[in-house]
Amino acid sequence: ISPTNGNYTGNYEDMDFSLLYVLLRNITSIRPHNNGWGCDPNPG
C-alpha cells in the first residue's frame, strides 16, 4: 500500500483478503456492526 518508490498506484488487485479486511476495518467510513469488528455478527 505504500511502495518505497512513490505513492500507491491505485491497483486494489494487489491486495489480498487479509489486507483488504484490515483496510476496510480501519480506514474506511464503514461502521462496525452491532457486536463490533472481529466478533460474530448477529444473525439478523
PDB file of all heavy atoms in Angstrom:
ATOM      1  N   ILE A   1       0.803  -1.230   0.000  1.00  0.00           N
ATOM      2  CA  ILE A   1       0.000   0.000   0.000  1.00  0.00           C
ATOM      3  C   ILE A   1       0.831   1.274   0.000  1.00  0.00           C
ATOM      4  O   ILE A   1       0.314   2.351  -0.275  1.00  0.00           O
ATOM      5  CB  ILE A   1      -0.990   0.035   1.182  1.00  0.00           C
ATOM      6  CG1 ILE A   1      -0.268   0.005   2.519  1.00  0.00           C
ATOM      7  CG2 ILE A   1      -1.991  -1.094   1.053  1.00  0.00           C
ATOM      8  CD1 ILE A   1      -1.175   0.211   3.719  1.00  0.00           C
ATOM      9  N   SER A   2       2.098   1.155   0.316  1.00  0.00           N
ATOM     10  CA  SER A   2       2.958   2.333   0.360  1.00  0.00           C
ATOM     11  C   SER A   2       4.344   1.972  -0.162  1.00  0.00           C
ATOM     12  O   SER A   2       5.297   1.858   0.608  1.00  0.00           O
ATOM     13  CB  SER A   2       3.039   2.847   1.800  1.00  0.00           C
ATOM     14  OG  SER A   2       3.744   4.044   1.864  1.00  0.00           O
ATOM     15  N   PRO A   3       4.459   1.789  -1.468  1.00  0.00           N
ATOM     16  CA  PRO A   3       5.745   1.372  -2.027  1.00  0.00           C
ATOM     17  C   PRO A   3       6.830   2.415  -1.791  1.00  0.00           C
ATOM     18  O   PRO A   3       6.556   3.610  -1.741  1.00  0.00           O
ATOM     19  CB  PRO A   3       5.454   1.191  -3.516  1.00  0.00           C
ATOM     20  CG  PRO A   3       4.165   1.868  -3.770  1.00  0.00           C
ATOM     21  CD  PRO A   3       3.440   2.000  -2.467  1.00  0.00           C
ATOM     22  N   THR A   4       8.057   1.942  -1.649  1.00  0.00           N
ATOM     23  CA  THR A   4       9.177   2.844  -1.385  1.00  0.00           C
ATOM     24  C   THR A   4       9.508   3.727  -2.582  1.00  0.00           C
ATOM     25  O   THR A   4      10.120   4.768  -2.424  1.00  0.00           O
ATOM     26  CB  THR A   4      10.439   2.053  -0.988  1.00  0.00           C
ATOM     27  OG1 THR A   4      10.726   1.114  -2.016  1.00  0.00           O
ATOM     28  CG2 THR A   4      10.256   1.350   0.329  1.00  0.00           C
ATOM     29  N   ASN A   5       9.065   3.327  -3.766  1.00  0.00           N
ATOM     30  CA  ASN A   5       9.372   4.109  -4.961  1.00  0.00           C
ATOM     31  C   ASN A   5       8.344   5.203  -5.243  1.00  0.00           C
ATOM     32  O   ASN A   5       8.336   5.774  -6.313  1.00  0.00           O
ATOM     33  CB  ASN A   5       9.497   3.188  -6.174  1.00  0.00           C
ATOM     34  CG  ASN A   5       8.198   2.468  -6.481  1.00  0.00           C
ATOM     35  OD1 ASN A   5       7.280   2.448  -5.677  1.00  0.00           O
ATOM     36  ND2 ASN A   5       8.134   1.847  -7.646  1.00  0.00           N
ATOM     37  N   GLY A   6       7.465   5.485  -4.306  1.00  0.00           N
ATOM     38  CA  GLY A   6       6.485   6.551  -4.522  1.00  0.00           C
ATOM     39  C   GLY A   6       5.134   6.231  -3.927  1.00  0.00           C
ATOM     40  O   GLY A   6       5.026   5.443  -2.995  1.00  0.00           O
ATOM     41  N   ASN A   7       4.110   6.847  -4.473  1.00  0.00           N
ATOM     42  CA  ASN A   7       2.755   6.657  -3.979  1.00  0.00           C
ATOM     43  C   ASN A   7       2.126   5.392  -4.535  1.00  0.00           C
ATOM     44  O   ASN A   7       2.532   4.881  -5.567  1.00  0.00           O
ATOM     45  CB  ASN A   7       1.871   7.855  -4.353  1.00  0.00           C
ATOM     46  CG  ASN A   7       2.194   9.075  -3.526  1.00  0.00           C
ATOM     47  OD1 ASN A   7       2.715   8.968  -2.417  1.00  0.00           O
ATOM     48  ND2 ASN A   7       1.904  10.238  -4.072  1.00  0.00           N
ATOM     49  N   TYR A   8       1.104   4.958  -3.859  1.00  0.00           N
ATOM     50  CA  TYR A   8       0.339   3.798  -4.296  1.00  0.00           C
ATOM     51  C   TYR A   8      -0.290   4.093  -5.653  1.00  0.00           C
ATOM     52  O   TYR A   8      -0.799   5.185  -5.891  1.00  0.00           O
ATOM     53  CB  TYR A   8      -0.738   3.481  -3.252  1.00  0.00           C
ATOM     54  CG  TYR A   8      -1.531   2.261  -3.582  1.00  0.00           C
ATOM     55  CD1 TYR A   8      -0.938   1.007  -3.547  1.00  0.00           C
ATOM     56  CD2 TYR A   8      -2.863   2.351  -3.947  1.00  0.00           C
ATOM     57  CE1 TYR A   8      -1.657  -0.128  -3.860  1.00  0.00           C
ATOM     58  CE2 TYR A   8      -3.585   1.219  -4.254  1.00  0.00           C
ATOM     59  CZ  TYR A   8      -2.978  -0.012  -4.211  1.00  0.00           C
ATOM     60  OH  TYR A   8      -3.691  -1.131  -4.521  1.00  0.00           O
ATOM     61  N   THR A   9      -0.267   3.114  -6.539  1.00  0.00           N
ATOM     62  CA  THR A   9      -0.744   3.325  -7.903  1.00  0.00           C
ATOM     63  C   THR A   9      -2.254   3.161  -8.057  1.00  0.00           C
ATOM     64  O   THR A   9      -2.786   3.441  -9.123  1.00  0.00           O
ATOM     65  CB  THR A   9      -0.055   2.343  -8.867  1.00  0.00           C
ATOM     66  OG1 THR A   9      -0.370   1.014  -8.456  1.00  0.00           O
ATOM     67  CG2 THR A   9       1.438   2.561  -8.901  1.00  0.00           C
ATOM     68  N   GLY A  10      -2.926   2.702  -7.024  1.00  0.00           N
ATOM     69  CA  GLY A  10      -4.379   2.576  -7.103  1.00  0.00           C
ATOM     70  C   GLY A  10      -4.865   1.257  -7.637  1.00  0.00           C
ATOM     71  O   GLY A  10      -6.014   1.141  -8.039  1.00  0.00           O
ATOM     72  N   ASN A  11      -4.035   0.243  -7.620  1.00  0.00           N
ATOM     73  CA  ASN A  11      -4.454  -1.069  -8.088  1.00  0.00           C
ATOM     74  C   ASN A  11      -4.842  -1.935  -6.899  1.00  0.00           C
ATOM     75  O   ASN A  11      -3.987  -2.574  -6.288  1.00  0.00           O
ATOM     76  CB  ASN A  11      -3.339  -1.727  -8.904  1.00  0.00           C
ATOM     77  CG  ASN A  11      -3.774  -3.031  -9.506  1.00  0.00           C
ATOM     78  OD1 ASN A  11      -4.917  -3.463  -9.345  1.00  0.00           O
ATOM     79  ND2 ASN A  11      -2.869  -3.675 -10.199  1.00  0.00           N
ATOM     80  N   TYR A  12      -6.112  -1.977  -6.591  1.00  0.00           N
ATOM     81  CA  TYR A  12      -6.576  -2.759  -5.448  1.00  0.00           C
ATOM     82  C   TYR A  12      -6.426  -4.259  -5.684  1.00  0.00           C
ATOM     83  O   TYR A  12      -6.547  -5.048  -4.747  1.00  0.00           O
ATOM     84  CB  TYR A  12      -8.030  -2.413  -5.123  1.00  0.00           C
ATOM     85  CG  TYR A  12      -8.213  -1.035  -4.511  1.00  0.00           C
ATOM     86  CD1 TYR A  12      -9.486  -0.502  -4.335  1.00  0.00           C
ATOM     87  CD2 TYR A  12      -7.144  -0.269  -4.097  1.00  0.00           C
ATOM     88  CE1 TYR A  12      -9.671   0.749  -3.765  1.00  0.00           C
ATOM     89  CE2 TYR A  12      -7.320   0.978  -3.528  1.00  0.00           C
ATOM     90  CZ  TYR A  12      -8.588   1.474  -3.369  1.00  0.00           C
ATOM     91  OH  TYR A  12      -8.768   2.709  -2.798  1.00  0.00           O
ATOM     92  N   GLU A  13      -6.146  -4.666  -6.906  1.00  0.00           N
ATOM     93  CA  GLU A  13      -5.948  -6.085  -7.212  1.00  0.00           C
ATOM     94  C   GLU A  13      -4.691  -6.627  -6.532  1.00  0.00           C
ATOM     95  O   GLU A  13      -4.558  -7.837  -6.361  1.00  0.00           O
ATOM     96  CB  GLU A  13      -5.853  -6.303  -8.726  1.00  0.00           C
ATOM     97  CG  GLU A  13      -7.066  -5.829  -9.506  1.00  0.00           C
ATOM     98  CD  GLU A  13      -8.371  -6.459  -9.065  1.00  0.00           C
ATOM     99  OE1 GLU A  13      -8.403  -7.694  -8.858  1.00  0.00           O
ATOM    100  OE2 GLU A  13      -9.364  -5.722  -8.899  1.00  0.00           O
ATOM    101  N   ASP A  14      -3.774  -5.758  -6.138  1.00  0.00           N
ATOM    102  CA  ASP A  14      -2.547  -6.181  -5.454  1.00  0.00           C
ATOM    103  C   ASP A  14      -2.805  -6.625  -4.020  1.00  0.00           C
ATOM    104  O   ASP A  14      -1.946  -7.233  -3.398  1.00  0.00           O
ATOM    105  CB  ASP A  14      -1.529  -5.036  -5.420  1.00  0.00           C
ATOM    106  CG  ASP A  14      -1.056  -4.633  -6.795  1.00  0.00           C
ATOM    107  OD1 ASP A  14      -1.183  -5.432  -7.738  1.00  0.00           O
ATOM    108  OD2 ASP A  14      -0.564  -3.499  -6.933  1.00  0.00           O
ATOM    109  N   MET A  15      -3.973  -6.297  -3.487  1.00  0.00           N
ATOM    110  CA  MET A  15      -4.267  -6.549  -2.075  1.00  0.00           C
ATOM    111  C   MET A  15      -4.916  -7.915  -1.884  1.00  0.00           C
ATOM    112  O   MET A  15      -5.847  -8.270  -2.596  1.00  0.00           O
ATOM    113  CB  MET A  15      -5.203  -5.465  -1.558  1.00  0.00           C
ATOM    114  CG  MET A  15      -4.625  -4.095  -1.626  1.00  0.00           C
ATOM    115  SD  MET A  15      -5.835  -2.885  -1.053  1.00  0.00           S
ATOM    116  CE  MET A  15      -4.959  -1.382  -1.391  1.00  0.00           C
ATOM    117  N   ASP A  16      -4.414  -8.650  -0.893  1.00  0.00           N
ATOM    118  CA  ASP A  16      -5.018  -9.938  -0.581  1.00  0.00           C
ATOM    119  C   ASP A  16      -6.163  -9.751   0.418  1.00  0.00           C
ATOM    120  O   ASP A  16      -6.435  -8.647   0.883  1.00  0.00           O
ATOM    121  CB  ASP A  16      -3.969 -10.916  -0.046  1.00  0.00           C
ATOM    122  CG  ASP A  16      -3.388 -10.526   1.300  1.00  0.00           C
ATOM    123  OD1 ASP A  16      -3.807  -9.514   1.904  1.00  0.00           O
ATOM    124  OD2 ASP A  16      -2.485 -11.239   1.780  1.00  0.00           O
ATOM    125  N   PHE A  17      -6.832 -10.839   0.720  1.00  0.00           N
ATOM    126  CA  PHE A  17      -8.005 -10.808   1.578  1.00  0.00           C
ATOM    127  C   PHE A  17      -7.708 -10.154   2.925  1.00  0.00           C
ATOM    128  O   PHE A  17      -8.446  -9.287   3.384  1.00  0.00           O
ATOM    129  CB  PHE A  17      -8.523 -12.243   1.788  1.00  0.00           C
ATOM    130  CG  PHE A  17      -9.822 -12.306   2.515  1.00  0.00           C
ATOM    131  CD1 PHE A  17     -11.008 -12.468   1.818  1.00  0.00           C
ATOM    132  CD2 PHE A  17      -9.881 -12.214   3.902  1.00  0.00           C
ATOM    133  CE1 PHE A  17     -12.223 -12.528   2.479  1.00  0.00           C
ATOM    134  CE2 PHE A  17     -11.085 -12.266   4.569  1.00  0.00           C
ATOM    135  CZ  PHE A  17     -12.264 -12.417   3.860  1.00  0.00           C
ATOM    136  N   SER A  18      -6.636 -10.590   3.566  1.00  0.00           N
ATOM    137  CA  SER A  18      -6.314 -10.090   4.910  1.00  0.00           C
ATOM    138  C   SER A  18      -6.062  -8.587   4.918  1.00  0.00           C
ATOM    139  O   SER A  18      -6.537  -7.876   5.806  1.00  0.00           O
ATOM    140  CB  SER A  18      -5.093 -10.812   5.471  1.00  0.00           C
ATOM    141  OG  SER A  18      -5.362 -12.179   5.597  1.00  0.00           O
ATOM    142  N   LEU A  19      -5.321  -8.105   3.941  1.00  0.00           N
ATOM    143  CA  LEU A  19      -5.044  -6.674   3.866  1.00  0.00           C
ATOM    144  C   LEU A  19      -6.327  -5.894   3.600  1.00  0.00           C
ATOM    145  O   LEU A  19      -6.571  -4.853   4.215  1.00  0.00           O
ATOM    146  CB  LEU A  19      -4.001  -6.379   2.785  1.00  0.00           C
ATOM    147  CG  LEU A  19      -3.644  -4.912   2.583  1.00  0.00           C
ATOM    148  CD1 LEU A  19      -3.155  -4.261   3.876  1.00  0.00           C
ATOM    149  CD2 LEU A  19      -2.605  -4.771   1.482  1.00  0.00           C
ATOM    150  N   LEU A  20      -7.162  -6.403   2.714  1.00  0.00           N
ATOM    151  CA  LEU A  20      -8.437  -5.736   2.439  1.00  0.00           C
ATOM    152  C   LEU A  20      -9.276  -5.619   3.705  1.00  0.00           C
ATOM    153  O   LEU A  20      -9.845  -4.570   3.998  1.00  0.00           O
ATOM    154  CB  LEU A  20      -9.208  -6.497   1.353  1.00  0.00           C
ATOM    155  CG  LEU A  20      -8.625  -6.403  -0.048  1.00  0.00           C
ATOM    156  CD1 LEU A  20      -9.221  -7.484  -0.936  1.00  0.00           C
ATOM    157  CD2 LEU A  20      -8.871  -5.024  -0.634  1.00  0.00           C
ATOM    158  N   TYR A  21      -9.338  -6.693   4.480  1.00  0.00           N
ATOM    159  CA  TYR A  21     -10.113  -6.679   5.725  1.00  0.00           C
ATOM    160  C   TYR A  21      -9.579  -5.621   6.681  1.00  0.00           C
ATOM    161  O   TYR A  21     -10.339  -4.842   7.250  1.00  0.00           O
ATOM    162  CB  TYR A  21     -10.111  -8.060   6.384  1.00  0.00           C
ATOM    163  CG  TYR A  21     -10.830  -8.076   7.711  1.00  0.00           C
ATOM    164  CD1 TYR A  21     -12.214  -8.125   7.766  1.00  0.00           C
ATOM    165  CD2 TYR A  21     -10.124  -8.018   8.902  1.00  0.00           C
ATOM    166  CE1 TYR A  21     -12.882  -8.121   8.979  1.00  0.00           C
ATOM    167  CE2 TYR A  21     -10.779  -8.012  10.120  1.00  0.00           C
ATOM    168  CZ  TYR A  21     -12.156  -8.065  10.155  1.00  0.00           C
ATOM    169  OH  TYR A  21     -12.807  -8.054  11.366  1.00  0.00           O
ATOM    170  N   VAL A  22      -8.266  -5.572   6.845  1.00  0.00           N
ATOM    171  CA  VAL A  22      -7.653  -4.591   7.751  1.00  0.00           C
ATOM    172  C   VAL A  22      -7.982  -3.168   7.293  1.00  0.00           C
ATOM    173  O   VAL A  22      -8.340  -2.301   8.106  1.00  0.00           O
ATOM    174  CB  VAL A  22      -6.124  -4.798   7.847  1.00  0.00           C
ATOM    175  CG1 VAL A  22      -5.447  -3.633   8.534  1.00  0.00           C
ATOM    176  CG2 VAL A  22      -5.810  -6.096   8.570  1.00  0.00           C
ATOM    177  N   LEU A  23      -7.887  -2.928   6.001  1.00  0.00           N
ATOM    178  CA  LEU A  23      -8.182  -1.593   5.481  1.00  0.00           C
ATOM    179  C   LEU A  23      -9.658  -1.239   5.641  1.00  0.00           C
ATOM    180  O   LEU A  23      -9.991  -0.132   6.075  1.00  0.00           O
ATOM    181  CB  LEU A  23      -7.762  -1.495   4.015  1.00  0.00           C
ATOM    182  CG  LEU A  23      -6.265  -1.628   3.749  1.00  0.00           C
ATOM    183  CD1 LEU A  23      -5.998  -1.691   2.254  1.00  0.00           C
ATOM    184  CD2 LEU A  23      -5.490  -0.497   4.405  1.00  0.00           C
ATOM    185  N   LEU A  24     -10.533  -2.170   5.310  1.00  0.00           N
ATOM    186  CA  LEU A  24     -11.971  -1.909   5.448  1.00  0.00           C
ATOM    187  C   LEU A  24     -12.329  -1.624   6.906  1.00  0.00           C
ATOM    188  O   LEU A  24     -13.136  -0.747   7.199  1.00  0.00           O
ATOM    189  CB  LEU A  24     -12.786  -3.098   4.922  1.00  0.00           C
ATOM    190  CG  LEU A  24     -12.759  -3.274   3.409  1.00  0.00           C
ATOM    191  CD1 LEU A  24     -13.293  -4.648   3.026  1.00  0.00           C
ATOM    192  CD2 LEU A  24     -13.547  -2.174   2.729  1.00  0.00           C
ATOM    193  N   ARG A  25     -11.704  -2.343   7.785  1.00  0.00           N
ATOM    194  CA  ARG A  25     -11.994  -2.196   9.214  1.00  0.00           C
ATOM    195  C   ARG A  25     -11.431  -0.897   9.800  1.00  0.00           C
ATOM    196  O   ARG A  25     -12.042  -0.293  10.668  1.00  0.00           O
ATOM    197  CB  ARG A  25     -11.390  -3.405   9.930  1.00  0.00           C
ATOM    198  CG  ARG A  25     -11.531  -3.405  11.407  1.00  0.00           C
ATOM    199  CD  ARG A  25     -10.941  -4.663  11.989  1.00  0.00           C
ATOM    200  NE  ARG A  25     -10.923  -4.566  13.441  1.00  0.00           N
ATOM    201  CZ  ARG A  25     -10.805  -5.591  14.257  1.00  0.00           C
ATOM    202  NH1 ARG A  25     -10.674  -6.805  13.771  1.00  0.00           N
ATOM    203  NH2 ARG A  25     -10.797  -5.416  15.546  1.00  0.00           N
ATOM    204  N   ASN A  26     -10.277  -0.469   9.297  1.00  0.00           N
ATOM    205  CA  ASN A  26      -9.558   0.617   9.965  1.00  0.00           C
ATOM    206  C   ASN A  26      -9.554   1.974   9.283  1.00  0.00           C
ATOM    207  O   ASN A  26      -9.374   2.985   9.966  1.00  0.00           O
ATOM    208  CB  ASN A  26      -8.106   0.192  10.218  1.00  0.00           C
ATOM    209  CG  ASN A  26      -8.022  -0.883  11.264  1.00  0.00           C
ATOM    210  OD1 ASN A  26      -8.319  -0.649  12.420  1.00  0.00           O
ATOM    211  ND2 ASN A  26      -7.652  -2.080  10.850  1.00  0.00           N
ATOM    212  N   ILE A  27      -9.706   2.025   7.972  1.00  0.00           N
ATOM    213  CA  ILE A  27      -9.581   3.343   7.352  1.00  0.00           C
ATOM    214  C   ILE A  27     -10.793   3.775   6.528  1.00  0.00           C
ATOM    215  O   ILE A  27     -10.792   4.871   5.983  1.00  0.00           O
ATOM    216  CB  ILE A  27      -8.299   3.457   6.490  1.00  0.00           C
ATOM    217  CG1 ILE A  27      -8.352   2.575   5.266  1.00  0.00           C
ATOM    218  CG2 ILE A  27      -7.064   3.190   7.327  1.00  0.00           C
ATOM    219  CD1 ILE A  27      -7.255   2.874   4.253  1.00  0.00           C
ATOM    220  N   THR A  28     -11.800   2.931   6.431  1.00  0.00           N
ATOM    221  CA  THR A  28     -12.993   3.329   5.679  1.00  0.00           C
ATOM    222  C   THR A  28     -14.014   3.959   6.619  1.00  0.00           C
ATOM    223  O   THR A  28     -13.839   3.973   7.839  1.00  0.00           O
ATOM    224  CB  THR A  28     -13.645   2.125   4.965  1.00  0.00           C
ATOM    225  OG1 THR A  28     -14.156   1.224   5.953  1.00  0.00           O
ATOM    226  CG2 THR A  28     -12.666   1.426   4.041  1.00  0.00           C
ATOM    227  N   SER A  29     -15.076   4.440   6.029  1.00  0.00           N
ATOM    228  CA  SER A  29     -16.158   5.032   6.827  1.00  0.00           C
ATOM    229  C   SER A  29     -17.199   3.996   7.229  1.00  0.00           C
ATOM    230  O   SER A  29     -18.242   4.352   7.787  1.00  0.00           O
ATOM    231  CB  SER A  29     -16.830   6.158   6.030  1.00  0.00           C
ATOM    232  OG  SER A  29     -17.413   5.633   4.857  1.00  0.00           O
ATOM    233  N   ILE A  30     -16.922   2.718   6.994  1.00  0.00           N
ATOM    234  CA  ILE A  30     -17.866   1.650   7.332  1.00  0.00           C
ATOM    235  C   ILE A  30     -17.917   1.496   8.851  1.00  0.00           C
ATOM    236  O   ILE A  30     -16.891   1.260   9.491  1.00  0.00           O
ATOM    237  CB  ILE A  30     -17.468   0.324   6.657  1.00  0.00           C
ATOM    238  CG1 ILE A  30     -17.478   0.498   5.143  1.00  0.00           C
ATOM    239  CG2 ILE A  30     -18.381  -0.808   7.094  1.00  0.00           C
ATOM    240  CD1 ILE A  30     -16.868  -0.655   4.387  1.00  0.00           C
ATOM    241  N   ARG A  31     -19.106   1.623   9.392  1.00  0.00           N
ATOM    242  CA  ARG A  31     -19.271   1.499  10.842  1.00  0.00           C
ATOM    243  C   ARG A  31     -19.237   0.037  11.267  1.00  0.00           C
ATOM    244  O   ARG A  31     -19.708  -0.834  10.533  1.00  0.00           O
ATOM    245  CB  ARG A  31     -20.598   2.105  11.269  1.00  0.00           C
ATOM    246  CG  ARG A  31     -20.662   3.599  11.067  1.00  0.00           C
ATOM    247  CD  ARG A  31     -21.988   4.136  11.633  1.00  0.00           C
ATOM    248  NE  ARG A  31     -21.970   5.564  11.652  1.00  0.00           N
ATOM    249  CZ  ARG A  31     -21.536   6.297  12.679  1.00  0.00           C
ATOM    250  NH1 ARG A  31     -21.095   5.713  13.764  1.00  0.00           N
ATOM    251  NH2 ARG A  31     -21.565   7.606  12.622  1.00  0.00           N
ATOM    252  N   PRO A  32     -18.704  -0.241  12.462  1.00  0.00           N
ATOM    253  CA  PRO A  32     -18.708  -1.620  12.959  1.00  0.00           C
ATOM    254  C   PRO A  32     -20.142  -2.123  13.136  1.00  0.00           C
ATOM    255  O   PRO A  32     -21.055  -1.342  13.428  1.00  0.00           O
ATOM    256  CB  PRO A  32     -18.013  -1.528  14.316  1.00  0.00           C
ATOM    257  CG  PRO A  32     -17.434  -0.164  14.409  1.00  0.00           C
ATOM    258  CD  PRO A  32     -18.096   0.697  13.395  1.00  0.00           C
ATOM    259  N   HIS A  33     -20.339  -3.402  12.975  1.00  0.00           N
ATOM    260  CA  HIS A  33     -21.666  -3.980  13.213  1.00  0.00           C
ATOM    261  C   HIS A  33     -21.945  -4.000  14.712  1.00  0.00           C
ATOM    262  O   HIS A  33     -21.091  -3.600  15.525  1.00  0.00           O
ATOM    263  CB  HIS A  33     -21.780  -5.370  12.578  1.00  0.00           C
ATOM    264  CG  HIS A  33     -20.786  -6.366  13.075  1.00  0.00           C
ATOM    265  ND1 HIS A  33     -20.981  -7.108  14.201  1.00  0.00           N
ATOM    266  CD2 HIS A  33     -19.568  -6.729  12.585  1.00  0.00           C
ATOM    267  CE1 HIS A  33     -19.947  -7.906  14.395  1.00  0.00           C
ATOM    268  NE2 HIS A  33     -19.071  -7.686  13.422  1.00  0.00           N
ATOM    269  N   ASN A  34     -23.129  -4.443  15.095  1.00  0.00           N
ATOM    270  CA  ASN A  34     -23.576  -4.359  16.492  1.00  0.00           C
ATOM    271  C   ASN A  34     -22.621  -5.001  17.493  1.00  0.00           C
ATOM    272  O   ASN A  34     -22.474  -4.509  18.608  1.00  0.00           O
ATOM    273  CB  ASN A  34     -24.966  -4.983  16.643  1.00  0.00           C
ATOM    274  CG  ASN A  34     -26.020  -4.189  15.922  1.00  0.00           C
ATOM    275  OD1 ASN A  34     -25.842  -3.000  15.663  1.00  0.00           O
ATOM    276  ND2 ASN A  34     -27.117  -4.830  15.568  1.00  0.00           N
ATOM    277  N   ASN A  35     -21.975  -6.091  17.134  1.00  0.00           N
ATOM    278  CA  ASN A  35     -21.061  -6.773  18.057  1.00  0.00           C
ATOM    279  C   ASN A  35     -19.618  -6.321  17.903  1.00  0.00           C
ATOM    280  O   ASN A  35     -18.756  -6.760  18.646  1.00  0.00           O
ATOM    281  CB  ASN A  35     -21.162  -8.289  17.872  1.00  0.00           C
ATOM    282  CG  ASN A  35     -22.513  -8.810  18.286  1.00  0.00           C
ATOM    283  OD1 ASN A  35     -23.227  -8.182  19.065  1.00  0.00           O
ATOM    284  ND2 ASN A  35     -22.896  -9.958  17.760  1.00  0.00           N
ATOM    285  N   GLY A  36     -19.350  -5.460  16.937  1.00  0.00           N
ATOM    286  CA  GLY A  36     -18.005  -4.920  16.745  1.00  0.00           C
ATOM    287  C   GLY A  36     -17.152  -5.763  15.820  1.00  0.00           C
ATOM    288  O   GLY A  36     -17.358  -6.969  15.668  1.00  0.00           O
ATOM    289  N   TRP A  37     -16.190  -5.102  15.176  1.00  0.00           N
ATOM    290  CA  TRP A  37     -15.266  -5.788  14.278  1.00  0.00           C
ATOM    291  C   TRP A  37     -14.564  -6.929  15.005  1.00  0.00           C
ATOM    292  O   TRP A  37     -14.212  -6.800  16.172  1.00  0.00           O
ATOM    293  CB  TRP A  37     -14.210  -4.824  13.756  1.00  0.00           C
ATOM    294  CG  TRP A  37     -14.696  -3.831  12.760  1.00  0.00           C
ATOM    295  CD1 TRP A  37     -14.838  -2.499  12.959  1.00  0.00           C
ATOM    296  CD2 TRP A  37     -15.085  -4.074  11.402  1.00  0.00           C
ATOM    297  NE1 TRP A  37     -15.295  -1.894  11.801  1.00  0.00           N
ATOM    298  CE2 TRP A  37     -15.452  -2.842  10.837  1.00  0.00           C
ATOM    299  CE3 TRP A  37     -15.163  -5.221  10.614  1.00  0.00           C
ATOM    300  CZ2 TRP A  37     -15.876  -2.727   9.517  1.00  0.00           C
ATOM    301  CZ3 TRP A  37     -15.584  -5.096   9.303  1.00  0.00           C
ATOM    302  CH2 TRP A  37     -15.935  -3.865   8.767  1.00  0.00           C
ATOM    303  N   GLY A  38     -14.372  -8.015  14.317  1.00  0.00           N
ATOM    304  CA  GLY A  38     -13.661  -9.156  14.883  1.00  0.00           C
ATOM    305  C   GLY A  38     -14.549 -10.116  15.639  1.00  0.00           C
ATOM    306  O   GLY A  38     -14.086 -11.159  16.084  1.00  0.00           O
ATOM    307  N   CYS A  39     -15.822  -9.800  15.779  1.00  0.00           N
ATOM    308  CA  CYS A  39     -16.778 -10.641  16.506  1.00  0.00           C
ATOM    309  C   CYS A  39     -17.850 -11.167  15.561  1.00  0.00           C
ATOM    310  O   CYS A  39     -18.130 -10.563  14.527  1.00  0.00           O
ATOM    311  CB  CYS A  39     -17.454  -9.853  17.624  1.00  0.00           C
ATOM    312  SG  CYS A  39     -16.315  -9.194  18.845  1.00  0.00           S
ATOM    313  N   ASP A  40     -18.463 -12.281  15.942  1.00  0.00           N
ATOM    314  CA  ASP A  40     -19.574 -12.815  15.155  1.00  0.00           C
ATOM    315  C   ASP A  40     -20.715 -11.807  15.139  1.00  0.00           C
ATOM    316  O   ASP A  40     -21.139 -11.345  16.202  1.00  0.00           O
ATOM    317  CB  ASP A  40     -20.093 -14.118  15.763  1.00  0.00           C
ATOM    318  CG  ASP A  40     -19.144 -15.283  15.583  1.00  0.00           C
ATOM    319  OD1 ASP A  40     -18.152 -15.136  14.866  1.00  0.00           O
ATOM    320  OD2 ASP A  40     -19.421 -16.345  16.171  1.00  0.00           O
ATOM    321  N   PRO A  41     -21.237 -11.490  13.963  1.00  0.00           N
ATOM    322  CA  PRO A  41     -22.386 -10.582  13.902  1.00  0.00           C
ATOM    323  C   PRO A  41     -23.674 -11.310  14.272  1.00  0.00           C
ATOM    324  O   PRO A  41     -23.760 -12.539  14.175  1.00  0.00           O
ATOM    325  CB  PRO A  41     -22.413 -10.132  12.441  1.00  0.00           C
ATOM    326  CG  PRO A  41     -21.693 -11.190  11.686  1.00  0.00           C
ATOM    327  CD  PRO A  41     -20.724 -11.821  12.634  1.00  0.00           C
ATOM    328  N   ASN A  42     -24.652 -10.554  14.718  1.00  0.00           N
ATOM    329  CA  ASN A  42     -25.970 -11.136  14.989  1.00  0.00           C
ATOM    330  C   ASN A  42     -26.562 -11.657  13.692  1.00  0.00           C
ATOM    331  O   ASN A  42     -26.355 -11.060  12.632  1.00  0.00           O
ATOM    332  CB  ASN A  42     -26.901 -10.087  15.604  1.00  0.00           C
ATOM    333  CG  ASN A  42     -26.444  -9.658  16.975  1.00  0.00           C
ATOM    334  OD1 ASN A  42     -25.856 -10.432  17.716  1.00  0.00           O
ATOM    335  ND2 ASN A  42     -26.695  -8.401  17.307  1.00  0.00           N
ATOM    336  N   PRO A  43     -27.321 -12.751  13.740  1.00  0.00           N
ATOM    337  CA  PRO A  43     -27.879 -13.335  12.514  1.00  0.00           C
ATOM    338  C   PRO A  43     -28.718 -12.356  11.685  1.00  0.00           C
ATOM    339  O   PRO A  43     -28.695 -12.407  10.460  1.00  0.00           O
ATOM    340  CB  PRO A  43     -28.737 -14.491  13.011  1.00  0.00           C
ATOM    341  CG  PRO A  43     -28.177 -14.843  14.343  1.00  0.00           C
ATOM    342  CD  PRO A  43     -27.637 -13.559  14.918  1.00  0.00           C
ATOM    343  N   GLY A  44     -29.433 -11.461  12.317  1.00  0.00           N
ATOM    344  CA  GLY A  44     -30.286 -10.536  11.590  1.00  0.00           C
ATOM    345  C   GLY A  44     -29.597  -9.266  11.133  1.00  0.00           C
ATOM    346  O   GLY A  44     -30.205  -8.442  10.441  1.00  0.00           O
TER     347      GLY A  44
END
